[in-house]
C-alpha atoms as a PDB file:
ATOM      1  CA  UNK A   1     180.145-130.225 -46.496  1.00  0.00           C
ATOM      2  CA  UNK A   2     179.187-126.942 -46.519  1.00  0.00           C
ATOM      3  CA  UNK A   3     180.591-126.038 -49.713  1.00  0.00           C
ATOM      4  CA  UNK A   4     178.107-128.378 -51.247  1.00  0.00           C
ATOM      5  CA  UNK A   5     175.729-127.014 -49.843  1.00  0.00           C
ATOM      6  CA  UNK A   6     176.431-123.534 -50.882  1.00  0.00           C
ATOM      7  CA  UNK A   7     176.703-124.716 -54.674  1.00  0.00           C
ATOM      8  CA  UNK A   8     173.111-126.400 -54.129  1.00  0.00           C
ATOM      9  CA  UNK A   9     171.849-123.324 -53.081  1.00  0.00           C
ATOM     10  CA  UNK A  10     173.242-121.341 -55.931  1.00  0.00           C
ATOM     11  CA  UNK A  11     171.671-124.041 -57.993  1.00  0.00           C
ATOM     12  CA  UNK A  12     168.300-123.614 -56.333  1.00  0.00           C
ATOM     13  CA  UNK A  13     168.032-119.958 -56.932  1.00  0.00           C
ATOM     14  CA  UNK A  14     169.205-120.250 -60.277  1.00  0.00           C
ATOM     15  CA  UNK A  15     166.534-122.615 -60.971  1.00  0.00           C
ATOM     16  CA  UNK A  16     164.035-120.218 -59.244  1.00  0.00           C
ATOM     17  CA  UNK A  17     165.070-117.414 -61.135  1.00  0.00           C
ATOM     18  CA  UNK A  18     164.311-118.726 -64.579  1.00  0.00           C
ATOM     19  CA  UNK A  19     161.143-120.356 -63.375  1.00  0.00           C
ATOM     20  CA  UNK A  20     160.326-116.623 -62.615  1.00  0.00           C
ATOM     21  CA  UNK A  21     161.141-115.445 -65.830  1.00  0.00           C
ATOM     22  CA  UNK A  22     159.356-117.827 -67.516  1.00  0.00           C
ATOM     23  CA  UNK A  23     155.682-116.500 -65.163  1.00  0.00           C
ATOM     24  CA  UNK A  24     156.854-113.351 -65.848  1.00  0.00           C
ATOM     25  CA  UNK A  25     156.628-113.729 -69.952  1.00  0.00           C
ATOM     26  CA  UNK A  26     154.292-115.969 -70.042  1.00  0.00           C
ATOM     27  CA  UNK A  27     151.446-115.374 -67.160  1.00  0.00           C
ATOM     28  CA  UNK A  28     151.720-112.608 -64.958  1.00  0.00           C
ATOM     29  CA  UNK A  29     154.751-110.359 -63.684  1.00  0.00           C
ATOM     30  CA  UNK A  30     155.638-111.614 -60.602  1.00  0.00           C
ATOM     31  CA  UNK A  31     158.479-108.891 -59.758  1.00  0.00           C
ATOM     32  CA  UNK A  32     160.199-106.149 -62.003  1.00  0.00           C
ATOM     33  CA  UNK A  33     163.502-105.706 -60.311  1.00  0.00           C
ATOM     34  CA  UNK A  34     165.344-109.072 -60.576  1.00  0.00           C
ATOM     35  CA  UNK A  35     167.301-109.337 -57.106  1.00  0.00           C
ATOM     36  CA  UNK A  36     168.136-113.138 -57.254  1.00  0.00           C
ATOM     37  CA  UNK A  37     171.445-112.349 -58.871  1.00  0.00           C
ATOM     38  CA  UNK A  38     172.705-110.398 -56.435  1.00  0.00           C
ATOM     39  CA  UNK A  39     173.312-113.693 -54.659  1.00  0.00           C
ATOM     40  CA  UNK A  40     175.263-115.019 -57.410  1.00  0.00           C
ATOM     41  CA  UNK A  41     178.166-113.409 -56.553  1.00  0.00           C
ATOM     42  CA  UNK A  42     178.776-114.019 -52.855  1.00  0.00           C
ATOM     43  CA  UNK A  43     177.482-117.508 -53.240  1.00  0.00           C
ATOM     44  CA  UNK A  44     180.408-117.964 -55.595  1.00  0.00           C
ATOM     45  CA  UNK A  45     183.232-116.703 -53.229  1.00  0.00           C
ATOM     46  CA  UNK A  46     181.593-118.211 -50.438  1.00  0.00           C
ATOM     47  CA  UNK A  47     182.194-121.692 -52.242  1.00  0.00           C
ATOM     48  CA  UNK A  48     185.370-121.122 -53.314  1.00  0.00           C
ATOM     49  CA  UNK A  49     186.311-120.141 -49.532  1.00  0.00           C
ATOM     50  CA  UNK A  50     184.656-122.755 -48.214  1.00  0.00           C
ATOM     51  CA  UNK A  51     186.602-125.373 -50.668  1.00  0.00           C
ATOM     52  CA  UNK A  52     189.866-123.990 -49.456  1.00  0.00           C
ATOM     53  CA  UNK A  53     189.034-123.949 -45.665  1.00  0.00           C
ATOM     54  CA  UNK A  54     189.876-126.586 -42.788  1.00  0.00           C
ATOM     55  CA  UNK A  55     186.735-125.805 -40.548  1.00  0.00           C
ATOM     56  CA  UNK A  56     183.265-125.049 -42.650  1.00  0.00           C
ATOM     57  CA  UNK A  57     180.912-124.227 -40.105  1.00  0.00           C
ATOM     58  CA  UNK A  58     178.662-121.929 -40.908  1.00  0.00           C
ATOM     59  CA  UNK A  59     179.241-118.138 -39.429  1.00  0.00           C
ATOM     60  CA  UNK A  60     176.568-115.357 -39.230  1.00  0.00           C
ATOM     61  CA  UNK A  61     179.196-112.938 -40.700  1.00  0.00           C
ATOM     62  CA  UNK A  62     178.830-114.553 -43.577  1.00  0.00           C
ATOM     63  CA  UNK A  63     175.491-113.010 -44.327  1.00  0.00           C
ATOM     64  CA  UNK A  64     176.547-109.866 -44.466  1.00  0.00           C
ATOM     65  CA  UNK A  65     177.846-110.788 -48.069  1.00  0.00           C
ATOM     66  CA  UNK A  66     173.875-110.793 -48.761  1.00  0.00           C
ATOM     67  CA  UNK A  67     173.105-107.168 -47.874  1.00  0.00           C
ATOM     68  CA  UNK A  68     172.465-105.996 -51.413  1.00  0.00           C
ATOM     69  CA  UNK A  69     170.349-108.703 -52.133  1.00  0.00           C
ATOM     70  CA  UNK A  70     168.418-108.250 -49.003  1.00  0.00           C
ATOM     71  CA  UNK A  71     168.095-104.193 -49.601  1.00  0.00           C
ATOM     72  CA  UNK A  72     166.849-104.864 -53.018  1.00  0.00           C
ATOM     73  CA  UNK A  73     164.498-107.431 -52.088  1.00  0.00           C
ATOM     74  CA  UNK A  74     162.731-105.112 -49.827  1.00  0.00           C
ATOM     75  CA  UNK A  75     162.879-102.217 -52.542  1.00  0.00           C
ATOM     76  CA  UNK A  76     161.116-104.820 -54.576  1.00  0.00           C
ATOM     77  CA  UNK A  77     158.286-105.933 -52.338  1.00  0.00           C
ATOM     78  CA  UNK A  78     157.375-101.824 -51.658  1.00  0.00           C
ATOM     79  CA  UNK A  79     157.085-101.330 -54.935  1.00  0.00           C
ATOM     80  CA  UNK A  80     155.884-105.015 -56.113  1.00  0.00           C
ATOM     81  CA  UNK A  81     153.229-103.638 -58.214  1.00  0.00           C
ATOM     82  CA  UNK A  82     154.914-100.535 -59.873  1.00  0.00           C
ATOM     83  CA  UNK A  83     156.560-100.362 -63.023  1.00  0.00           C
ATOM     84  CA  UNK A  84     160.323-100.180 -61.748  1.00  0.00           C
ATOM     85  CA  UNK A  85     161.896-101.872 -64.314  1.00  0.00           C
ATOM     86  CA  UNK A  86     160.846-101.501 -68.006  1.00  0.00           C
ATOM     87  CA  UNK A  87     163.958-103.906 -69.403  1.00  0.00           C
ATOM     88  CA  UNK A  88     166.989-102.125 -71.391  1.00  0.00           C
ATOM     89  CA  UNK A  89     164.531 -99.940 -74.112  1.00  0.00           C
ATOM     90  CA  UNK A  90     162.928 -98.103 -71.004  1.00  0.00           C
ATOM     91  CA  UNK A  91     165.886 -98.494 -68.727  1.00  0.00           C
ATOM     92  CA  UNK A  92     166.719 -94.615 -68.893  1.00  0.00           C
ATOM     93  CA  UNK A  93     162.732 -93.193 -69.020  1.00  0.00           C
ATOM     94  CA  UNK A  94     162.410 -90.181 -66.869  1.00  0.00           C
ATOM     95  CA  UNK A  95     160.398 -91.117 -64.191  1.00  0.00           C
ATOM     96  CA  UNK A  96     160.470 -91.446 -60.659  1.00  0.00           C
ATOM     97  CA  UNK A  97     162.409 -94.792 -60.791  1.00  0.00           C
ATOM     98  CA  UNK A  98     165.088 -94.016 -62.745  1.00  0.00           C
ATOM     99  CA  UNK A  99     167.428 -93.140 -60.097  1.00  0.00           C
ATOM    100  CA  UNK A 100     166.452 -96.410 -58.374  1.00  0.00           C
ATOM    101  CA  UNK A 101     167.395 -98.300 -62.056  1.00  0.00           C
ATOM    102  CA  UNK A 102     170.988 -96.342 -62.175  1.00  0.00           C
ATOM    103  CA  UNK A 103     171.468 -97.403 -58.748  1.00  0.00           C
ATOM    104  CA  UNK A 104     170.571-101.147 -59.372  1.00  0.00           C
ATOM    105  CA  UNK A 105     172.510-101.581 -62.571  1.00  0.00           C
ATOM    106  CA  UNK A 106     175.693-100.100 -60.840  1.00  0.00           C
ATOM    107  CA  UNK A 107     175.541-101.904 -57.732  1.00  0.00           C
ATOM    108  CA  UNK A 108     174.907-105.087 -59.649  1.00  0.00           C
ATOM    109  CA  UNK A 109     177.945-104.573 -61.754  1.00  0.00           C
ATOM    110  CA  UNK A 110     179.679-103.810 -58.736  1.00  0.00           C
ATOM    111  CA  UNK A 111     178.757-106.541 -56.703  1.00  0.00           C
ATOM    112  CA  UNK A 112     179.696-109.411 -59.859  1.00  0.00           C
ATOM    113  CA  UNK A 113     183.017-107.584 -60.184  1.00  0.00           C
ATOM    114  CA  UNK A 114     183.926-107.501 -56.650  1.00  0.00           C
ATOM    115  CA  UNK A 115     183.012-110.930 -55.937  1.00  0.00           C
ATOM    116  CA  UNK A 116     184.703-112.236 -59.310  1.00  0.00           C
ATOM    117  CA  UNK A 117     187.778-110.810 -58.433  1.00  0.00           C
ATOM    118  CA  UNK A 118     187.703-112.001 -54.493  1.00  0.00           C
ATOM    119  CA  UNK A 119     187.226-115.578 -55.607  1.00  0.00           C
ATOM    120  CA  UNK A 120     189.929-115.645 -58.253  1.00  0.00           C
ATOM    121  CA  UNK A 121     192.454-113.942 -55.547  1.00  0.00           C
ATOM    122  CA  UNK A 122     191.338-116.528 -52.550  1.00  0.00           C
ATOM    123  CA  UNK A 123     191.804-119.672 -55.296  1.00  0.00           C
ATOM    124  CA  UNK A 124     195.300-118.176 -56.540  1.00  0.00           C
ATOM    125  CA  UNK A 125     196.447-117.664 -53.023  1.00  0.00           C
ATOM    126  CA  UNK A 126     195.213-121.431 -52.422  1.00  0.00           C
ATOM    127  CA  UNK A 127     197.223-122.553 -55.069  1.00  0.00           C
ATOM    128  CA  UNK A 128     200.518-120.771 -53.979  1.00  0.00           C
ATOM    129  CA  UNK A 129     200.339-122.477 -50.559  1.00  0.00           C
ATOM    130  CA  UNK A 130     199.586-125.959 -52.013  1.00  0.00           C
ATOM    131  CA  UNK A 131     203.807-126.154 -52.922  1.00  0.00           C
ATOM    132  CA  UNK A 132     204.004-126.128 -48.984  1.00  0.00           C
ATOM    133  CA  UNK A 133     202.326-129.283 -48.736  1.00  0.00           C
ATOM    134  CA  UNK A 134     202.117-131.265 -51.377  1.00  0.00           C
ATOM    135  CA  UNK A 135     204.630-132.426 -54.101  1.00  0.00           C
ATOM    136  CA  UNK A 136     202.447-132.691 -57.172  1.00  0.00           C
ATOM    137  CA  UNK A 137     200.048-130.787 -58.970  1.00  0.00           C
ATOM    138  CA  UNK A 138     196.929-131.636 -61.020  1.00  0.00           C
ATOM    139  CA  UNK A 139     193.487-130.652 -61.472  1.00  0.00           C
ATOM    140  CA  UNK A 140     191.756-132.357 -58.724  1.00  0.00           C
ATOM    141  CA  UNK A 141     193.643-129.843 -56.036  1.00  0.00           C
ATOM    142  CA  UNK A 142     194.455-126.792 -57.755  1.00  0.00           C
ATOM    143  CA  UNK A 143     190.811-126.060 -58.511  1.00  0.00           C
ATOM    144  CA  UNK A 144     191.471-124.696 -61.947  1.00  0.00           C
ATOM    145  CA  UNK A 145     188.174-125.609 -62.974  1.00  0.00           C
ATOM    146  CA  UNK A 146     186.697-123.014 -60.369  1.00  0.00           C
ATOM    147  CA  UNK A 147     189.041-120.277 -61.724  1.00  0.00           C
ATOM    148  CA  UNK A 148     187.554-120.788 -65.217  1.00  0.00           C
ATOM    149  CA  UNK A 149     184.224-120.625 -64.067  1.00  0.00           C
ATOM    150  CA  UNK A 150     184.536-117.748 -62.176  1.00  0.00           C
ATOM    151  CA  UNK A 151     186.279-115.696 -64.964  1.00  0.00           C
ATOM    152  CA  UNK A 152     183.453-117.259 -67.593  1.00  0.00           C
ATOM    153  CA  UNK A 153     180.891-115.978 -65.301  1.00  0.00           C
ATOM    154  CA  UNK A 154     181.995-112.999 -64.911  1.00  0.00           C
ATOM    155  CA  UNK A 155     182.738-112.275 -69.112  1.00  0.00           C
ATOM    156  CA  UNK A 156     179.426-113.499 -69.538  1.00  0.00           C
ATOM    157  CA  UNK A 157     177.631-110.687 -67.436  1.00  0.00           C
ATOM    158  CA  UNK A 158     180.542-108.089 -68.795  1.00  0.00           C
ATOM    159  CA  UNK A 159     179.134-108.842 -72.178  1.00  0.00           C
ATOM    160  CA  UNK A 160     175.350-109.034 -70.947  1.00  0.00           C
ATOM    161  CA  UNK A 161     175.843-105.009 -69.492  1.00  0.00           C
ATOM    162  CA  UNK A 162     177.376-104.146 -73.152  1.00  0.00           C
ATOM    163  CA  UNK A 163     174.521-105.386 -74.745  1.00  0.00           C
ATOM    164  CA  UNK A 164     172.201-103.783 -72.605  1.00  0.00           C
ATOM    165  CA  UNK A 165     174.211-100.431 -72.745  1.00  0.00           C
ATOM    166  CA  UNK A 166     174.314-100.429 -76.381  1.00  0.00           C
ATOM    167  CA  UNK A 167     170.727-101.335 -76.735  1.00  0.00           C
ATOM    168  CA  UNK A 168     169.884 -98.563 -74.415  1.00  0.00           C
ATOM    169  CA  UNK A 169     171.462 -96.351 -76.593  1.00  0.00           C
ATOM    170  CA  UNK A 170     170.674 -97.426 -79.995  1.00  0.00           C
ATOM    171  CA  UNK A 171     167.567 -99.588 -79.350  1.00  0.00           C
ATOM    172  CA  UNK A 172     169.159-102.436 -81.939  1.00  0.00           C
ATOM    173  CA  UNK A 173     167.851-105.791 -79.734  1.00  0.00           C
ATOM    174  CA  UNK A 174     164.420-106.935 -80.158  1.00  0.00           C
ATOM    175  CA  UNK A 175     164.534-108.851 -76.675  1.00  0.00           C
ATOM    176  CA  UNK A 176     165.940-107.965 -73.345  1.00  0.00           C
ATOM    177  CA  UNK A 177     169.963-108.618 -72.968  1.00  0.00           C
ATOM    178  CA  UNK A 178     169.457-109.762 -69.748  1.00  0.00           C
ATOM    179  CA  UNK A 179     167.629-112.733 -71.019  1.00  0.00           C
ATOM    180  CA  UNK A 180     171.597-113.613 -72.734  1.00  0.00           C
ATOM    181  CA  UNK A 181     172.401-114.530 -69.398  1.00  0.00           C
ATOM    182  CA  UNK A 182     170.468-117.369 -68.858  1.00  0.00           C
ATOM    183  CA  UNK A 183     172.360-119.232 -71.893  1.00  0.00           C
ATOM    184  CA  UNK A 184     175.328-118.791 -69.395  1.00  0.00           C
ATOM    185  CA  UNK A 185     173.978-119.851 -66.315  1.00  0.00           C
ATOM    186  CA  UNK A 186     172.613-122.998 -68.091  1.00  0.00           C
ATOM    187  CA  UNK A 187     176.103-123.529 -69.090  1.00  0.00           C
ATOM    188  CA  UNK A 188     177.738-123.074 -65.794  1.00  0.00           C
ATOM    189  CA  UNK A 189     175.090-124.987 -63.544  1.00  0.00           C
ATOM    190  CA  UNK A 190     176.222-128.253 -66.216  1.00  0.00           C
ATOM    191  CA  UNK A 191     179.754-127.646 -65.806  1.00  0.00           C
ATOM    192  CA  UNK A 192     180.006-126.791 -61.777  1.00  0.00           C
ATOM    193  CA  UNK A 193     177.696-129.641 -61.283  1.00  0.00           C
ATOM    194  CA  UNK A 194     179.833-131.892 -62.920  1.00  0.00           C
ATOM    195  CA  UNK A 195     183.326-130.812 -61.343  1.00  0.00           C
ATOM    196  CA  UNK A 196     181.413-129.941 -58.294  1.00  0.00           C
ATOM    197  CA  UNK A 197     179.736-133.247 -57.166  1.00  0.00           C
ATOM    198  CA  UNK A 198     183.339-134.966 -58.124  1.00  0.00           C
ATOM    199  CA  UNK A 199     185.801-132.490 -56.129  1.00  0.00           C
ATOM    200  CA  UNK A 200     184.612-132.041 -52.320  1.00  0.00           C
ATOM    201  CA  UNK A 201     184.990-135.625 -51.073  1.00  0.00           C
ATOM    202  CA  UNK A 202     188.848-135.752 -52.596  1.00  0.00           C
ATOM    203  CA  UNK A 203     189.225-132.648 -51.700  1.00  0.00           C
ATOM    204  CA  UNK A 204     188.635-133.323 -47.928  1.00  0.00           C
ATOM    205  CA  UNK A 205     191.464-136.079 -48.041  1.00  0.00           C
ATOM    206  CA  UNK A 206     193.828-132.971 -49.030  1.00  0.00           C
ATOM    207  CA  UNK A 207     192.344-131.068 -46.266  1.00  0.00           C
ATOM    208  CA  UNK A 208     193.200-133.827 -44.038  1.00  0.00           C
ATOM    209  CA  UNK A 209     196.852-133.967 -45.497  1.00  0.00           C
ATOM    210  CA  UNK A 210     197.619-130.948 -44.706  1.00  0.00           C
ATOM    211  CA  UNK A 211     194.939-129.140 -41.960  1.00  0.00           C
ATOM    212  CA  UNK A 212     196.376-125.576 -41.851  1.00  0.00           C
ATOM    213  CA  UNK A 213     196.700-125.123 -45.348  1.00  0.00           C
ATOM    214  CA  UNK A 214     194.240-122.410 -45.640  1.00  0.00           C
ATOM    215  CA  UNK A 215     196.234-120.132 -43.109  1.00  0.00           C
ATOM    216  CA  UNK A 216     199.983-120.465 -43.561  1.00  0.00           C
ATOM    217  CA  UNK A 217     201.102-117.286 -45.300  1.00  0.00           C
ATOM    218  CA  UNK A 218     203.713-116.895 -48.327  1.00  0.00           C
ATOM    219  CA  UNK A 219     206.356-115.761 -45.971  1.00  0.00           C
ATOM    220  CA  UNK A 220     206.064-117.790 -42.727  1.00  0.00           C
ATOM    221  CA  UNK A 221     207.624-116.405 -39.391  1.00  0.00           C
ATOM    222  CA  UNK A 222     209.323-119.034 -37.199  1.00  0.00           C
ATOM    223  CA  UNK A 223     210.334-116.552 -34.604  1.00  0.00           C
ATOM    224  CA  UNK A 224     207.724-118.533 -31.871  1.00  0.00           C
ATOM    225  CA  UNK A 225     208.080-122.083 -33.373  1.00  0.00           C
ATOM    226  CA  UNK A 226     209.820-123.361 -30.206  1.00  0.00           C
ATOM    227  CA  UNK A 227     212.083-125.370 -32.358  1.00  0.00           C
ATOM    228  CA  UNK A 228     215.790-124.635 -31.231  1.00  0.00           C
ATOM    229  CA  UNK A 229     219.080-124.419 -33.768  1.00  0.00           C
ATOM    230  CA  UNK A 230     220.637-127.498 -33.092  1.00  0.00           C
ATOM    231  CA  UNK A 231     216.739-129.562 -33.423  1.00  0.00           C
ATOM    232  CA  UNK A 232     216.503-127.743 -36.510  1.00  0.00           C
ATOM    233  CA  UNK A 233     220.201-129.154 -37.802  1.00  0.00           C
ATOM    234  CA  UNK A 234     219.376-132.361 -36.830  1.00  0.00           C
ATOM    235  CA  UNK A 235     215.836-132.359 -38.564  1.00  0.00           C
ATOM    236  CA  UNK A 236     217.620-131.654 -41.649  1.00  0.00           C
ATOM    237  CA  UNK A 237     220.057-133.792 -41.985  1.00  0.00           C
ATOM    238  CA  UNK A 238     217.385-136.394 -41.230  1.00  0.00           C
ATOM    239  CA  UNK A 239     215.386-135.099 -43.966  1.00  0.00           C
ATOM    240  CA  UNK A 240     218.336-135.258 -46.236  1.00  0.00           C
ATOM    241  CA  UNK A 241     219.354-138.764 -45.217  1.00  0.00           C
ATOM    242  CA  UNK A 242     215.570-140.098 -45.856  1.00  0.00           C
ATOM    243  CA  UNK A 243     215.370-138.452 -49.187  1.00  0.00           C
ATOM    244  CA  UNK A 244     218.326-140.439 -50.465  1.00  0.00           C
ATOM    245  CA  UNK A 245     217.926-143.425 -48.616  1.00  0.00           C
ATOM    246  CA  UNK A 246     214.345-144.062 -48.854  1.00  0.00           C
ATOM    247  CA  UNK A 247     213.434-141.875 -51.980  1.00  0.00           C
ATOM    248  CA  UNK A 248     210.350-141.272 -51.317  1.00  0.00           C
ATOM    249  CA  UNK A 249     209.940-138.730 -53.866  1.00  0.00           C
ATOM    250  CA  UNK A 250     209.000-141.837 -56.433  1.00  0.00           C
ATOM    251  CA  UNK A 251     205.881-141.373 -54.805  1.00  0.00           C
ATOM    252  CA  UNK A 252     203.645-139.610 -57.413  1.00  0.00           C
ATOM    253  CA  UNK A 253     201.198-138.242 -54.528  1.00  0.00           C
ATOM    254  CA  UNK A 254     203.874-137.665 -51.993  1.00  0.00           C
ATOM    255  CA  UNK A 255     202.376-134.964 -49.055  1.00  0.00           C
ATOM    256  CA  UNK A 256     204.067-133.528 -46.473  1.00  0.00           C
ATOM    257  CA  UNK A 257     202.167-135.375 -44.072  1.00  0.00           C
ATOM    258  CA  UNK A 258     203.345-138.411 -45.380  1.00  0.00           C
ATOM    259  CA  UNK A 259     207.423-137.593 -44.574  1.00  0.00           C
ATOM    260  CA  UNK A 260     205.884-136.423 -41.059  1.00  0.00           C
ATOM    261  CA  UNK A 261     204.385-139.436 -40.320  1.00  0.00           C
ATOM    262  CA  UNK A 262     207.226-141.456 -41.491  1.00  0.00           C
ATOM    263  CA  UNK A 263     210.490-139.573 -39.627  1.00  0.00           C
ATOM    264  CA  UNK A 264     208.113-138.626 -36.504  1.00  0.00           C
ATOM    265  CA  UNK A 265     208.650-134.969 -36.882  1.00  0.00           C
ATOM    266  CA  UNK A 266     206.414-132.366 -36.379  1.00  0.00           C
ATOM    267  CA  UNK A 267     204.374-131.238 -39.967  1.00  0.00           C
ATOM    268  CA  UNK A 268     205.199-127.755 -38.888  1.00  0.00           C
ATOM    269  CA  UNK A 269     208.754-128.436 -38.033  1.00  0.00           C
ATOM    270  CA  UNK A 270     209.478-129.823 -41.340  1.00  0.00           C
ATOM    271  CA  UNK A 271     207.900-127.034 -43.046  1.00  0.00           C
ATOM    272  CA  UNK A 272     209.975-124.728 -40.960  1.00  0.00           C
ATOM    273  CA  UNK A 273     213.273-126.757 -41.930  1.00  0.00           C
ATOM    274  CA  UNK A 274     212.903-126.899 -45.977  1.00  0.00           C
ATOM    275  CA  UNK A 275     212.177-123.215 -45.621  1.00  0.00           C
ATOM    276  CA  UNK A 276     214.631-121.863 -43.785  1.00  0.00           C
ATOM    277  CA  UNK A 277     217.874-124.729 -43.462  1.00  0.00           C
ATOM    278  CA  UNK A 278     217.141-125.738 -47.859  1.00  0.00           C
ATOM    279  CA  UNK A 279     215.860-122.289 -48.837  1.00  0.00           C
ATOM    280  CA  UNK A 280     212.647-124.070 -50.806  1.00  0.00           C
ATOM    281  CA  UNK A 281     209.278-125.376 -50.200  1.00  0.00           C
ATOM    282  CA  UNK A 282     208.102-128.734 -50.048  1.00  0.00           C
ATOM    283  CA  UNK A 283     207.135-128.855 -53.644  1.00  0.00           C
ATOM    284  CA  UNK A 284     210.512-127.965 -54.875  1.00  0.00           C
ATOM    285  CA  UNK A 285     212.333-130.103 -52.785  1.00  0.00           C
ATOM    286  CA  UNK A 286     211.025-133.133 -53.919  1.00  0.00           C
ATOM    287  CA  UNK A 287     210.800-132.205 -57.577  1.00  0.00           C
ATOM    288  CA  UNK A 288     214.411-131.239 -57.674  1.00  0.00           C
ATOM    289  CA  UNK A 289     215.206-135.157 -56.504  1.00  0.00           C
ATOM    290  CA  UNK A 290     212.660-136.596 -59.394  1.00  0.00           C
ATOM    291  CA  UNK A 291     214.705-134.353 -61.683  1.00  0.00           C
ATOM    292  CA  UNK A 292     217.792-135.894 -60.349  1.00  0.00           C
ATOM    293  CA  UNK A 293     216.338-139.176 -60.465  1.00  0.00           C
ATOM    294  CA  UNK A 294     215.201-138.835 -63.920  1.00  0.00           C
ATOM    295  CA  UNK A 295     218.864-137.564 -65.338  1.00  0.00           C
ATOM    296  CA  UNK A 296     219.970-140.664 -63.832  1.00  0.00           C
ATOM    297  CA  UNK A 297     217.651-143.215 -65.377  1.00  0.00           C
ATOM    298  CA  UNK A 298     217.347-142.004 -68.717  1.00  0.00           C
ATOM    299  CA  UNK A 299     221.175-142.522 -68.807  1.00  0.00           C
ATOM    300  CA  UNK A 300     221.256-145.647 -67.998  1.00  0.00           C
ATOM    301  CA  UNK A 301     221.251-148.854 -70.219  1.00  0.00           C
ATOM    302  CA  UNK A 302     218.375-150.074 -68.023  1.00  0.00           C
ATOM    303  CA  UNK A 303     215.805-147.780 -69.371  1.00  0.00           C
ATOM    304  CA  UNK A 304     216.544-147.621 -72.998  1.00  0.00           C
ATOM    305  CA  UNK A 305     213.976-149.147 -74.519  1.00  0.00           C
ATOM    306  CA  UNK A 306     211.354-146.979 -72.171  1.00  0.00           C
ATOM    307  CA  UNK A 307     209.852-143.920 -73.534  1.00  0.00           C
ATOM    308  CA  UNK A 308     210.489-140.373 -72.291  1.00  0.00           C
ATOM    309  CA  UNK A 309     207.329-140.252 -70.114  1.00  0.00           C
ATOM    310  CA  UNK A 310     207.695-144.165 -68.935  1.00  0.00           C
ATOM    311  CA  UNK A 311     210.966-142.735 -66.922  1.00  0.00           C
ATOM    312  CA  UNK A 312     209.180-139.887 -65.933  1.00  0.00           C
ATOM    313  CA  UNK A 313     206.691-141.615 -64.280  1.00  0.00           C
ATOM    314  CA  UNK A 314     209.204-144.020 -62.800  1.00  0.00           C
ATOM    315  CA  UNK A 315     210.761-140.915 -60.970  1.00  0.00           C
ATOM    316  CA  UNK A 316     207.853-139.622 -59.607  1.00  0.00           C
ATOM    317  CA  UNK A 317     206.349-137.283 -61.452  1.00  0.00           C
ATOM    318  CA  UNK A 318     202.528-137.483 -61.980  1.00  0.00           C
ATOM    319  CA  UNK A 319     201.784-136.050 -65.270  1.00  0.00           C
ATOM    320  CA  UNK A 320     203.227-135.384 -68.803  1.00  0.00           C
ATOM    321  CA  UNK A 321     202.444-131.456 -68.415  1.00  0.00           C
ATOM    322  CA  UNK A 322     203.884-131.436 -64.702  1.00  0.00           C
ATOM    323  CA  UNK A 323     207.123-133.223 -66.009  1.00  0.00           C
ATOM    324  CA  UNK A 324     207.990-130.886 -68.975  1.00  0.00           C
ATOM    325  CA  UNK A 325     207.216-127.791 -66.649  1.00  0.00           C
ATOM    326  CA  UNK A 326     209.182-128.620 -64.121  1.00  0.00           C
ATOM    327  CA  UNK A 327     212.092-129.848 -65.792  1.00  0.00           C
ATOM    328  CA  UNK A 328     212.174-126.599 -68.023  1.00  0.00           C
ATOM    329  CA  UNK A 329     212.114-124.766 -64.853  1.00  0.00           C
ATOM    330  CA  UNK A 330     215.215-126.560 -62.983  1.00  0.00           C
ATOM    331  CA  UNK A 331     217.190-127.333 -65.858  1.00  0.00           C
ATOM    332  CA  UNK A 332     216.001-124.340 -68.312  1.00  0.00           C
ATOM    333  CA  UNK A 333     216.090-127.235 -70.900  1.00  0.00           C
ATOM    334  CA  UNK A 334     212.964-129.194 -72.044  1.00  0.00           C
ATOM    335  CA  UNK A 335     213.477-133.193 -71.790  1.00  0.00           C
ATOM    336  CA  UNK A 336     214.061-133.124 -75.220  1.00  0.00           C
ATOM    337  CA  UNK A 337     216.706-130.545 -75.286  1.00  0.00           C
ATOM    338  CA  UNK A 338     218.479-132.502 -72.325  1.00  0.00           C
ATOM    339  CA  UNK A 339     218.504-135.547 -74.645  1.00  0.00           C
ATOM    340  CA  UNK A 340     219.904-134.203 -77.599  1.00  0.00           C
ATOM    341  CA  UNK A 341     222.851-133.142 -75.154  1.00  0.00           C
ATOM    342  CA  UNK A 342     223.558-136.952 -74.030  1.00  0.00           C
ATOM    343  CA  UNK A 343     225.467-139.522 -75.956  1.00  0.00           C
ATOM    344  CA  UNK A 344     224.770-140.862 -79.033  1.00  0.00           C
ATOM    345  CA  UNK A 345     223.790-144.068 -77.841  1.00  0.00           C
ATOM    346  CA  UNK A 346     220.452-142.189 -75.939  1.00  0.00           C
ATOM    347  CA  UNK A 347     219.184-140.588 -79.251  1.00  0.00           C
ATOM    348  CA  UNK A 348     217.186-143.543 -79.968  1.00  0.00           C
ATOM    349  CA  UNK A 349     215.198-143.071 -76.878  1.00  0.00           C
ATOM    350  CA  UNK A 350     214.140-139.294 -78.100  1.00  0.00           C
ATOM    351  CA  UNK A 351     212.243-140.893 -80.997  1.00  0.00           C
ATOM    352  CA  UNK A 352     209.755-142.420 -78.970  1.00  0.00           C
END
């Protein structure tokens, strides 16, 4: 998977950068203009993009993201043996390279900011689209870990910039603030390596369930779908009958592809019917049935000896947090508040 290759390339460049710093500090200065960090933002963005795409083939236009790196790499080679960068303490020394250092610093800050924001946006958009295809939510499919990494990555570099600026002005540190970034990069490599190795195979299965998940917009237009009004009504009734009789929502990992296969209706037609005929998305439709199933079961004597969470799992929910969130959104009450409104003989369940 290309996303894995991008992540591996990022780890490799971080390793190279750390080796260069060690050599610069203890042996001989290899280059004074640190250019490899200009690849970090683009690689983070490309990794997020490839993780949320169906077809992950290499495209030459991806190389445009590395223009800043290429430009500053060429500059560093031109001035390879010149004292371009003096660390934070000599950043504003008036010499022939002061303008270059300022351009370098501003460019790096813009790069990190732009790609951190772009990464967050692409993952947030993907998370919203998931509700058109999946009936459940979990850390395995939402890429929350990648959002936390991108945010932490940006915050870490902002802190480095702040410390560097203060050190330039008042010279209060005995070392270059740039070295602080390696603490964050080490933590990043460990965390992203842990989640990144586990994520791709599972995520590939999700992509197969919903092959065009990355291209469906929020407000889907169906004027050219080819489905007639009479067909839409037929499909709508077929979906509702299926929900009532077969109760597919009891499957905790139900996807729209599962429903399409069972009903033998094209998946995009099911999406269209749910959106236009029922006025909701797949996620909301399935979880409305799960909430109603929970209400029925929790009121039954058959389930009086089960905990709230056990009944929720039996109703199709896949986690406690998802159940509590969805139940509150659809009923306006927490599960505990809902149970308090039931008859006295149901109150012992609340204590479990």
